[in-house]
Amino acid sequence: MPNVHYIPASLENITKVAEYALDDDNDAEIRRIVRRANEWCDGSRSLESLANRAVDALDEFRSALTGYYGGGGRRSWMEGLEAGSAIDHMDELVVCNV
């Protein structure tokens, strides 16, 4: 999240952002942002978190494919499969020992 886990920057404002981050008056705020970013990273690296994000990405991909192939008389890519989430068909996609 911007200003919680990082300071948003672009090519237009990168110098101002760097000056702000390096200003001693903003030290406490920058330390809080770095701490929260590190906490987010630590929580996001667990096997369960990575697996959940992978399944979410597969579900988004499935939805995109269904939206692309679902209309106009085209044959659905999921034809023949039971409707459900990607997790229902995980064995067809990857070997999973979790």
PDB file of N, CA and C in Angstrom:
ATOM      1  N   MET A   1       0.840  -1.177   0.000  1.00  0.00           N
ATOM      2  CA  MET A   1       0.000   0.000   0.000  1.00  0.00           C
ATOM      3  C   MET A   1       0.888   1.245   0.000  1.00  0.00           C
ATOM      4  N   PRO A   2       0.569   2.220  -0.842  1.00  0.00           N
ATOM      5  CA  PRO A   2       1.365   3.438  -0.895  1.00  0.00           C
ATOM      6  C   PRO A   2       1.350   4.175   0.443  1.00  0.00           C
ATOM      7  N   ASN A   3       2.468   4.719   0.806  1.00  0.00           N
ATOM      8  CA  ASN A   3       2.672   5.472   2.041  1.00  0.00           C
ATOM      9  C   ASN A   3       2.490   4.638   3.303  1.00  0.00           C
ATOM     10  N   VAL A   4       2.304   3.342   3.143  1.00  0.00           N
ATOM     11  CA  VAL A   4       2.267   2.412   4.271  1.00  0.00           C
ATOM     12  C   VAL A   4       3.447   1.461   4.160  1.00  0.00           C
ATOM     13  N   HIS A   5       3.622   0.888   2.948  1.00  0.00           N
ATOM     14  CA  HIS A   5       4.704  -0.062   2.713  1.00  0.00           C
ATOM     15  C   HIS A   5       5.791   0.508   1.801  1.00  0.00           C
ATOM     16  N   TYR A   6       5.495   1.595   1.129  1.00  0.00           N
ATOM     17  CA  TYR A   6       6.476   2.243   0.257  1.00  0.00           C
ATOM     18  C   TYR A   6       6.038   3.678  -0.004  1.00  0.00           C
ATOM     19  N   ILE A   7       6.956   4.474  -0.498  1.00  0.00           N
ATOM     20  CA  ILE A   7       6.643   5.851  -0.892  1.00  0.00           C
ATOM     21  C   ILE A   7       6.516   5.853  -2.412  1.00  0.00           C
ATOM     22  N   PRO A   8       5.334   6.188  -2.912  1.00  0.00           N
ATOM     23  CA  PRO A   8       5.163   6.185  -4.367  1.00  0.00           C
ATOM     24  C   PRO A   8       6.082   7.209  -5.035  1.00  0.00           C
ATOM     25  N   ALA A   9       6.628   6.838  -6.166  1.00  0.00           N
ATOM     26  CA  ALA A   9       7.516   7.732  -6.900  1.00  0.00           C
ATOM     27  C   ALA A   9       7.343   7.491  -8.392  1.00  0.00           C
ATOM     28  N   SER A  10       7.670   8.493  -9.154  1.00  0.00           N
ATOM     29  CA  SER A  10       7.668   8.392 -10.612  1.00  0.00           C
ATOM     30  C   SER A  10       8.891   9.141 -11.128  1.00  0.00           C
ATOM     31  N   LEU A  11       9.110   9.094 -12.407  1.00  0.00           N
ATOM     32  CA  LEU A  11      10.245   9.819 -12.970  1.00  0.00           C
ATOM     33  C   LEU A  11      10.101  11.318 -12.747  1.00  0.00           C
ATOM     34  N   GLU A  12       8.853  11.793 -12.678  1.00  0.00           N
ATOM     35  CA  GLU A  12       8.621  13.220 -12.499  1.00  0.00           C
ATOM     36  C   GLU A  12       8.948  13.695 -11.083  1.00  0.00           C
ATOM     37  N   ASN A  13       8.798  12.806 -10.069  1.00  0.00           N
ATOM     38  CA  ASN A  13       8.993  13.280  -8.700  1.00  0.00           C
ATOM     39  C   ASN A  13      10.074  12.510  -7.928  1.00  0.00           C
ATOM     40  N   ILE A  14      10.873  11.722  -8.595  1.00  0.00           N
ATOM     41  CA  ILE A  14      11.839  10.867  -7.912  1.00  0.00           C
ATOM     42  C   ILE A  14      12.839  11.668  -7.067  1.00  0.00           C
ATOM     43  N   THR A  15      13.244  12.825  -7.541  1.00  0.00           N
ATOM     44  CA  THR A  15      14.195  13.643  -6.786  1.00  0.00           C
ATOM     45  C   THR A  15      13.562  14.145  -5.491  1.00  0.00           C
ATOM     46  N   LYS A  16      12.327  14.622  -5.561  1.00  0.00           N
ATOM     47  CA  LYS A  16      11.630  15.104  -4.368  1.00  0.00           C
ATOM     48  C   LYS A  16      11.387  13.970  -3.374  1.00  0.00           C
ATOM     49  N   VAL A  17      11.023  12.793  -3.880  1.00  0.00           N
ATOM     50  CA  VAL A  17      10.786  11.641  -3.006  1.00  0.00           C
ATOM     51  C   VAL A  17      12.085  11.240  -2.307  1.00  0.00           C
ATOM     52  N   ALA A  18      13.181  11.203  -3.040  1.00  0.00           N
ATOM     53  CA  ALA A  18      14.474  10.851  -2.448  1.00  0.00           C
ATOM     54  C   ALA A  18      14.886  11.877  -1.397  1.00  0.00           C
ATOM     55  N   GLU A  19      14.709  13.152  -1.693  1.00  0.00           N
ATOM     56  CA  GLU A  19      15.029  14.202  -0.721  1.00  0.00           C
ATOM     57  C   GLU A  19      14.173  14.048   0.537  1.00  0.00           C
ATOM     58  N   TYR A  20      12.885  13.754   0.362  1.00  0.00           N
ATOM     59  CA  TYR A  20      11.979  13.567   1.490  1.00  0.00           C
ATOM     60  C   TYR A  20      12.427  12.384   2.349  1.00  0.00           C
ATOM     61  N   ALA A  21      12.746  11.274   1.688  1.00  0.00           N
ATOM     62  CA  ALA A  21      13.144  10.064   2.415  1.00  0.00           C
ATOM     63  C   ALA A  21      14.464  10.254   3.154  1.00  0.00           C
ATOM     64  N   LEU A  22      15.358  11.056   2.624  1.00  0.00           N
ATOM     65  CA  LEU A  22      16.667  11.261   3.242  1.00  0.00           C
ATOM     66  C   LEU A  22      16.693  12.401   4.255  1.00  0.00           C
ATOM     67  N   ASP A  23      15.621  13.170   4.344  1.00  0.00           N
ATOM     68  CA  ASP A  23      15.548  14.296   5.289  1.00  0.00           C
ATOM     69  C   ASP A  23      15.430  13.753   6.718  1.00  0.00           C
ATOM     70  N   ASP A  24      16.325  14.187   7.584  1.00  0.00           N
ATOM     71  CA  ASP A  24      16.317  13.723   8.978  1.00  0.00           C
ATOM     72  C   ASP A  24      14.992  14.009   9.683  1.00  0.00           C
ATOM     73  N   ASP A  25      14.272  15.040   9.278  1.00  0.00           N
ATOM     74  CA  ASP A  25      12.980  15.360   9.897  1.00  0.00           C
ATOM     75  C   ASP A  25      11.935  14.272   9.633  1.00  0.00           C
ATOM     76  N   ASN A  26      12.138  13.454   8.618  1.00  0.00           N
ATOM     77  CA  ASN A  26      11.177  12.407   8.260  1.00  0.00           C
ATOM     78  C   ASN A  26      11.654  11.015   8.664  1.00  0.00           C
ATOM     79  N   ASP A  27      12.704  10.970   9.449  1.00  0.00           N
ATOM     80  CA  ASP A  27      13.326   9.698   9.816  1.00  0.00           C
ATOM     81  C   ASP A  27      12.344   8.723  10.474  1.00  0.00           C
ATOM     82  N   ALA A  28      11.554   9.186  11.426  1.00  0.00           N
ATOM     83  CA  ALA A  28      10.619   8.300  12.135  1.00  0.00           C
ATOM     84  C   ALA A  28       9.584   7.718  11.174  1.00  0.00           C
ATOM     85  N   GLU A  29       9.060   8.554  10.276  1.00  0.00           N
ATOM     86  CA  GLU A  29       8.069   8.071   9.309  1.00  0.00           C
ATOM     87  C   GLU A  29       8.686   7.051   8.354  1.00  0.00           C
ATOM     88  N   ILE A  30       9.861   7.329   7.863  1.00  0.00           N
ATOM     89  CA  ILE A  30      10.530   6.405   6.938  1.00  0.00           C
ATOM     90  C   ILE A  30      10.821   5.084   7.636  1.00  0.00           C
ATOM     91  N   ARG A  31      11.229   5.124   8.888  1.00  0.00           N
ATOM     92  CA  ARG A  31      11.472   3.892   9.641  1.00  0.00           C
ATOM     93  C   ARG A  31      10.180   3.079   9.797  1.00  0.00           C
ATOM     94  N   ARG A  32       9.038   3.765  10.038  1.00  0.00           N
ATOM     95  CA  ARG A  32       7.746   3.059  10.140  1.00  0.00           C
ATOM     96  C   ARG A  32       7.399   2.394   8.805  1.00  0.00           C
ATOM     97  N   ILE A  33       7.594   3.100   7.723  1.00  0.00           N
ATOM     98  CA  ILE A  33       7.291   2.540   6.397  1.00  0.00           C
ATOM     99  C   ILE A  33       8.165   1.322   6.130  1.00  0.00           C
ATOM    100  N   VAL A  34       9.452   1.417   6.423  1.00  0.00           N
ATOM    101  CA  VAL A  34      10.360   0.288   6.217  1.00  0.00           C
ATOM    102  C   VAL A  34       9.967  -0.885   7.104  1.00  0.00           C
ATOM    103  N   ARG A  35       9.605  -0.620   8.371  1.00  0.00           N
ATOM    104  CA  ARG A  35       9.199  -1.698   9.284  1.00  0.00           C
ATOM    105  C   ARG A  35       7.942  -2.399   8.755  1.00  0.00           C
ATOM    106  N   ARG A  36       6.943  -1.615   8.329  1.00  0.00           N
ATOM    107  CA  ARG A  36       5.703  -2.215   7.811  1.00  0.00           C
ATOM    108  C   ARG A  36       5.965  -2.977   6.517  1.00  0.00           C
ATOM    109  N   ALA A  37       6.839  -2.476   5.673  1.00  0.00           N
ATOM    110  CA  ALA A  37       7.185  -3.186   4.434  1.00  0.00           C
ATOM    111  C   ALA A  37       7.860  -4.518   4.758  1.00  0.00           C
ATOM    112  N   ASN A  38       8.770  -4.508   5.713  1.00  0.00           N
ATOM    113  CA  ASN A  38       9.438  -5.752   6.114  1.00  0.00           C
ATOM    114  C   ASN A  38       8.456  -6.741   6.730  1.00  0.00           C
ATOM    115  N   GLU A  39       7.520  -6.245   7.539  1.00  0.00           N
ATOM    116  CA  GLU A  39       6.502  -7.123   8.126  1.00  0.00           C
ATOM    117  C   GLU A  39       5.647  -7.751   7.041  1.00  0.00           C
ATOM    118  N   TRP A  40       5.270  -6.942   6.031  1.00  0.00           N
ATOM    119  CA  TRP A  40       4.473  -7.473   4.929  1.00  0.00           C
ATOM    120  C   TRP A  40       5.261  -8.558   4.182  1.00  0.00           C
ATOM    121  N   CYS A  41       6.528  -8.292   3.925  1.00  0.00           N
ATOM    122  CA  CYS A  41       7.366  -9.273   3.222  1.00  0.00           C
ATOM    123  C   CYS A  41       7.484 -10.564   4.022  1.00  0.00           C
ATOM    124  N   ASP A  42       7.722 -10.434   5.319  1.00  0.00           N
ATOM    125  CA  ASP A  42       7.841 -11.625   6.168  1.00  0.00           C
ATOM    126  C   ASP A  42       6.562 -12.446   6.146  1.00  0.00           C
ATOM    127  N   GLY A  43       5.409 -11.792   6.189  1.00  0.00           N
ATOM    128  CA  GLY A  43       4.132 -12.501   6.170  1.00  0.00           C
ATOM    129  C   GLY A  43       3.763 -13.054   4.811  1.00  0.00           C
ATOM    130  N   SER A  44       4.326 -12.499   3.766  1.00  0.00           N
ATOM    131  CA  SER A  44       3.977 -12.911   2.403  1.00  0.00           C
ATOM    132  C   SER A  44       4.844 -14.047   1.881  1.00  0.00           C
ATOM    133  N   ARG A  45       5.868 -14.420   2.637  1.00  0.00           N
ATOM    134  CA  ARG A  45       6.785 -15.454   2.152  1.00  0.00           C
ATOM    135  C   ARG A  45       6.445 -16.843   2.654  1.00  0.00           C
ATOM    136  N   SER A  46       5.386 -16.989   3.445  1.00  0.00           N
ATOM    137  CA  SER A  46       5.049 -18.318   3.949  1.00  0.00           C
ATOM    138  C   SER A  46       4.539 -19.180   2.796  1.00  0.00           C
ATOM    139  N   LEU A  47       4.681 -20.474   2.926  1.00  0.00           N
ATOM    140  CA  LEU A  47       4.222 -21.400   1.895  1.00  0.00           C
ATOM    141  C   LEU A  47       2.726 -21.246   1.666  1.00  0.00           C
ATOM    142  N   GLU A  48       1.973 -21.092   2.746  1.00  0.00           N
ATOM    143  CA  GLU A  48       0.520 -20.937   2.619  1.00  0.00           C
ATOM    144  C   GLU A  48       0.163 -19.657   1.861  1.00  0.00           C
ATOM    145  N   SER A  49       0.833 -18.563   2.185  1.00  0.00           N
ATOM    146  CA  SER A  49       0.572 -17.300   1.513  1.00  0.00           C
ATOM    147  C   SER A  49       0.919 -17.373   0.028  1.00  0.00           C
ATOM    148  N   LEU A  50       2.070 -17.962  -0.285  1.00  0.00           N
ATOM    149  CA  LEU A  50       2.471 -18.111  -1.687  1.00  0.00           C
ATOM    150  C   LEU A  50       1.494 -18.996  -2.444  1.00  0.00           C
ATOM    151  N   ALA A  51       1.053 -20.085  -1.820  1.00  0.00           N
ATOM    152  CA  ALA A  51       0.091 -20.991  -2.463  1.00  0.00           C
ATOM    153  C   ALA A  51      -1.237 -20.278  -2.698  1.00  0.00           C
ATOM    154  N   ASN A  52      -1.698 -19.522  -1.712  1.00  0.00           N
ATOM    155  CA  ASN A  52      -2.964 -18.792  -1.873  1.00  0.00           C
ATOM    156  C   ASN A  52      -2.869 -17.775  -2.995  1.00  0.00           C
ATOM    157  N   ARG A  53      -1.755 -17.055  -3.087  1.00  0.00           N
ATOM    158  CA  ARG A  53      -1.602 -16.087  -4.167  1.00  0.00           C
ATOM    159  C   ARG A  53      -1.526 -16.771  -5.526  1.00  0.00           C
ATOM    160  N   ALA A  54      -0.892 -17.939  -5.580  1.00  0.00           N
ATOM    161  CA  ALA A  54      -0.823 -18.679  -6.848  1.00  0.00           C
ATOM    162  C   ALA A  54      -2.210 -19.132  -7.285  1.00  0.00           C
ATOM    163  N   VAL A  55      -3.008 -19.635  -6.354  1.00  0.00           N
ATOM    164  CA  VAL A  55      -4.370 -20.071  -6.677  1.00  0.00           C
ATOM    165  C   VAL A  55      -5.214 -18.874  -7.101  1.00  0.00           C
ATOM    166  N   ASP A  56      -5.067 -17.745  -6.409  1.00  0.00           N
ATOM    167  CA  ASP A  56      -5.791 -16.542  -6.807  1.00  0.00           C
ATOM    168  C   ASP A  56      -5.424 -16.119  -8.223  1.00  0.00           C
ATOM    169  N   ALA A  57      -4.136 -16.188  -8.549  1.00  0.00           N
ATOM    170  CA  ALA A  57      -3.692 -15.825  -9.900  1.00  0.00           C
ATOM    171  C   ALA A  57      -4.279 -16.783 -10.938  1.00  0.00           C
ATOM    172  N   LEU A  58      -4.329 -18.080 -10.613  1.00  0.00           N
ATOM    173  CA  LEU A  58      -4.924 -19.046 -11.531  1.00  0.00           C
ATOM    174  C   LEU A  58      -6.414 -18.777 -11.721  1.00  0.00           C
ATOM    175  N   ASP A  59      -7.108 -18.431 -10.643  1.00  0.00           N
ATOM    176  CA  ASP A  59      -8.528 -18.098 -10.748  1.00  0.00           C
ATOM    177  C   ASP A  59      -8.748 -16.863 -11.617  1.00  0.00           C
ATOM    178  N   GLU A  60      -7.892 -15.849 -11.466  1.00  0.00           N
ATOM    179  CA  GLU A  60      -7.996 -14.661 -12.314  1.00  0.00           C
ATOM    180  C   GLU A  60      -7.735 -15.011 -13.774  1.00  0.00           C
ATOM    181  N   PHE A  61      -6.760 -15.872 -14.023  1.00  0.00           N
ATOM    182  CA  PHE A  61      -6.452 -16.299 -15.383  1.00  0.00           C
ATOM    183  C   PHE A  61      -7.624 -17.072 -15.978  1.00  0.00           C
ATOM    184  N   ARG A  62      -8.209 -17.971 -15.169  1.00  0.00           N
ATOM    185  CA  ARG A  62      -9.373 -18.737 -15.627  1.00  0.00           C
ATOM    186  C   ARG A  62     -10.518 -17.798 -15.973  1.00  0.00           C
ATOM    187  N   SER A  63     -10.763 -16.797 -15.128  1.00  0.00           N
ATOM    188  CA  SER A  63     -11.832 -15.831 -15.389  1.00  0.00           C
ATOM    189  C   SER A  63     -11.566 -15.053 -16.677  1.00  0.00           C
ATOM    190  N   ALA A  64     -10.313 -14.669 -16.876  1.00  0.00           N
ATOM    191  CA  ALA A  64      -9.969 -13.940 -18.099  1.00  0.00           C
ATOM    192  C   ALA A  64     -10.197 -14.801 -19.329  1.00  0.00           C
ATOM    193  N   LEU A  65      -9.798 -16.071 -19.261  1.00  0.00           N
ATOM    194  CA  LEU A  65     -10.020 -16.974 -20.393  1.00  0.00           C
ATOM    195  C   LEU A  65     -11.504 -17.198 -20.644  1.00  0.00           C
ATOM    196  N   THR A  66     -12.256 -17.373 -19.577  1.00  0.00           N
ATOM    197  CA  THR A  66     -13.697 -17.580 -19.714  1.00  0.00           C
ATOM    198  C   THR A  66     -14.336 -16.351 -20.337  1.00  0.00           C
ATOM    199  N   GLY A  67     -13.922 -15.163 -19.910  1.00  0.00           N
ATOM    200  CA  GLY A  67     -14.453 -13.938 -20.490  1.00  0.00           C
ATOM    201  C   GLY A  67     -14.099 -13.805 -21.959  1.00  0.00           C
ATOM    202  N   TYR A  68     -12.899 -14.241 -22.315  1.00  0.00           N
ATOM    203  CA  TYR A  68     -12.442 -14.137 -23.701  1.00  0.00           C
ATOM    204  C   TYR A  68     -13.126 -15.166 -24.591  1.00  0.00           C
ATOM    205  N   TYR A  69     -13.220 -16.409 -24.116  1.00  0.00           N
ATOM    206  CA  TYR A  69     -13.771 -17.482 -24.929  1.00  0.00           C
ATOM    207  C   TYR A  69     -15.242 -17.767 -24.658  1.00  0.00           C
ATOM    208  N   GLY A  70     -15.813 -17.115 -23.642  1.00  0.00           N
ATOM    209  CA  GLY A  70     -17.159 -17.469 -23.207  1.00  0.00           C
ATOM    210  C   GLY A  70     -18.284 -17.002 -24.103  1.00  0.00           C
ATOM    211  N   GLY A  71     -18.091 -16.024 -24.950  1.00  0.00           N
ATOM    212  CA  GLY A  71     -19.201 -15.483 -25.725  1.00  0.00           C
ATOM    213  C   GLY A  71     -19.028 -15.658 -27.214  1.00  0.00           C
ATOM    214  N   GLY A  72     -20.015 -15.193 -27.965  1.00  0.00           N
ATOM    215  CA  GLY A  72     -19.935 -15.156 -29.429  1.00  0.00           C
ATOM    216  C   GLY A  72     -19.935 -16.514 -30.088  1.00  0.00           C
ATOM    217  N   GLY A  73     -20.501 -17.524 -29.433  1.00  0.00           N
ATOM    218  CA  GLY A  73     -20.580 -18.842 -30.029  1.00  0.00           C
ATOM    219  C   GLY A  73     -19.287 -19.617 -30.009  1.00  0.00           C
ATOM    220  N   ARG A  74     -18.245 -19.070 -29.426  1.00  0.00           N
ATOM    221  CA  ARG A  74     -16.986 -19.804 -29.322  1.00  0.00           C
ATOM    222  C   ARG A  74     -17.102 -20.890 -28.276  1.00  0.00           C
ATOM    223  N   ARG A  75     -16.390 -21.947 -28.483  1.00  0.00           N
ATOM    224  CA  ARG A  75     -16.364 -23.043 -27.530  1.00  0.00           C
ATOM    225  C   ARG A  75     -15.586 -22.615 -26.287  1.00  0.00           C
ATOM    226  N   SER A  76     -16.163 -22.843 -25.117  1.00  0.00           N
ATOM    227  CA  SER A  76     -15.504 -22.465 -23.877  1.00  0.00           C
ATOM    228  C   SER A  76     -14.307 -23.362 -23.630  1.00  0.00           C
ATOM    229  N   TRP A  77     -13.220 -22.786 -23.146  1.00  0.00           N
ATOM    230  CA  TRP A  77     -12.027 -23.571 -22.838  1.00  0.00           C
ATOM    231  C   TRP A  77     -12.284 -24.520 -21.692  1.00  0.00           C
ATOM    232  N   MET A  78     -13.322 -24.263 -20.882  1.00  0.00           N
ATOM    233  CA  MET A  78     -13.623 -25.131 -19.747  1.00  0.00           C
ATOM    234  C   MET A  78     -14.686 -26.170 -20.086  1.00  0.00           C
ATOM    235  N   GLU A  79     -15.093 -26.239 -21.346  1.00  0.00           N
ATOM    236  CA  GLU A  79     -16.124 -27.205 -21.731  1.00  0.00           C
ATOM    237  C   GLU A  79     -15.669 -28.607 -21.342  1.00  0.00           C
ATOM    238  N   GLY A  80     -16.536 -29.324 -20.702  1.00  0.00           N
ATOM    239  CA  GLY A  80     -16.194 -30.669 -20.266  1.00  0.00           C
ATOM    240  C   GLY A  80     -15.685 -30.727 -18.843  1.00  0.00           C
ATOM    241  N   LEU A  81     -15.336 -29.590 -18.262  1.00  0.00           N
ATOM    242  CA  LEU A  81     -14.901 -29.556 -16.873  1.00  0.00           C
ATOM    243  C   LEU A  81     -16.051 -29.065 -16.011  1.00  0.00           C
ATOM    244  N   GLU A  82     -16.070 -29.500 -14.789  1.00  0.00           N
ATOM    245  CA  GLU A  82     -17.066 -28.981 -13.860  1.00  0.00           C
ATOM    246  C   GLU A  82     -16.731 -27.534 -13.563  1.00  0.00           C
ATOM    247  N   ALA A  83     -17.757 -26.697 -13.455  1.00  0.00           N
ATOM    248  CA  ALA A  83     -17.523 -25.298 -13.093  1.00  0.00           C
ATOM    249  C   ALA A  83     -17.006 -25.242 -11.662  1.00  0.00           C
ATOM    250  N   GLY A  84     -16.065 -24.386 -11.421  1.00  0.00           N
ATOM    251  CA  GLY A  84     -15.517 -24.238 -10.074  1.00  0.00           C
ATOM    252  C   GLY A  84     -14.253 -23.439 -10.111  1.00  0.00           C
ATOM    253  N   SER A  85     -13.595 -23.382  -9.009  1.00  0.00           N
ATOM    254  CA  SER A  85     -12.360 -22.607  -8.933  1.00  0.00           C
ATOM    255  C   SER A  85     -11.196 -23.422  -9.481  1.00  0.00           C
ATOM    256  N   ALA A  86     -10.108 -22.752  -9.731  1.00  0.00           N
ATOM    257  CA  ALA A  86      -8.916 -23.433 -10.232  1.00  0.00           C
ATOM    258  C   ALA A  86      -8.431 -24.493  -9.253  1.00  0.00           C
ATOM    259  N   ILE A  87      -8.677 -24.287  -7.979  1.00  0.00           N
ATOM    260  CA  ILE A  87      -8.229 -25.264  -6.978  1.00  0.00           C
ATOM    261  C   ILE A  87      -8.915 -26.613  -7.198  1.00  0.00           C
ATOM    262  N   ASP A  88     -10.139 -26.609  -7.736  1.00  0.00           N
ATOM    263  CA  ASP A  88     -10.847 -27.860  -8.008  1.00  0.00           C
ATOM    264  C   ASP A  88     -10.132 -28.692  -9.067  1.00  0.00           C
ATOM    265  N   HIS A  89      -9.362 -28.032  -9.917  1.00  0.00           N
ATOM    266  CA  HIS A  89      -8.680 -28.699 -11.019  1.00  0.00           C
ATOM    267  C   HIS A  89      -7.164 -28.634 -10.883  1.00  0.00           C
ATOM    268  N   MET A  90      -6.682 -28.402  -9.669  1.00  0.00           N
ATOM    269  CA  MET A  90      -5.254 -28.206  -9.436  1.00  0.00           C
ATOM    270  C   MET A  90      -4.441 -29.402  -9.902  1.00  0.00           C
ATOM    271  N   ASP A  91      -4.931 -30.619  -9.697  1.00  0.00           N
ATOM    272  CA  ASP A  91      -4.178 -31.800 -10.102  1.00  0.00           C
ATOM    273  C   ASP A  91      -3.954 -31.847 -11.601  1.00  0.00           C
ATOM    274  N   GLU A  92      -4.826 -31.186 -12.363  1.00  0.00           N
ATOM    275  CA  GLU A  92      -4.665 -31.156 -13.808  1.00  0.00           C
ATOM    276  C   GLU A  92      -3.623 -30.138 -14.227  1.00  0.00           C
ATOM    277  N   LEU A  93      -3.273 -29.211 -13.324  1.00  0.00           N
ATOM    278  CA  LEU A  93      -2.369 -28.134 -13.676  1.00  0.00           C
ATOM    279  C   LEU A  93      -0.937 -28.368 -13.195  1.00  0.00           C
ATOM    280  N   VAL A  94      -0.806 -28.803 -11.960  1.00  0.00           N
ATOM    281  CA  VAL A  94       0.511 -28.978 -11.370  1.00  0.00           C
ATOM    282  C   VAL A  94       0.502 -30.139 -10.406  1.00  0.00           C
ATOM    283  N   VAL A  95       1.667 -30.695 -10.157  1.00  0.00           N
ATOM    284  CA  VAL A  95       1.811 -31.679  -9.107  1.00  0.00           C
ATOM    285  C   VAL A  95       1.909 -30.915  -7.802  1.00  0.00           C
ATOM    286  N   CYS A  96       1.058 -31.247  -6.855  1.00  0.00           N
ATOM    287  CA  CYS A  96       1.011 -30.490  -5.610  1.00  0.00           C
ATOM    288  C   CYS A  96       1.119 -31.439  -4.432  1.00  0.00           C
ATOM    289  N   ASN A  97       2.148 -31.250  -3.628  1.00  0.00           N
ATOM    290  CA  ASN A  97       2.360 -32.100  -2.456  1.00  0.00           C
ATOM    291  C   ASN A  97       2.105 -31.364  -1.155  1.00  0.00           C
ATOM    292  N   VAL A  98       1.374 -30.267  -1.205  1.00  0.00           N
ATOM    293  CA  VAL A  98       1.136 -29.468   0.001  1.00  0.00           C
ATOM    294  C   VAL A  98      -0.012 -30.049   0.777  1.00  0.00           C
TER     295      VAL A  98
END
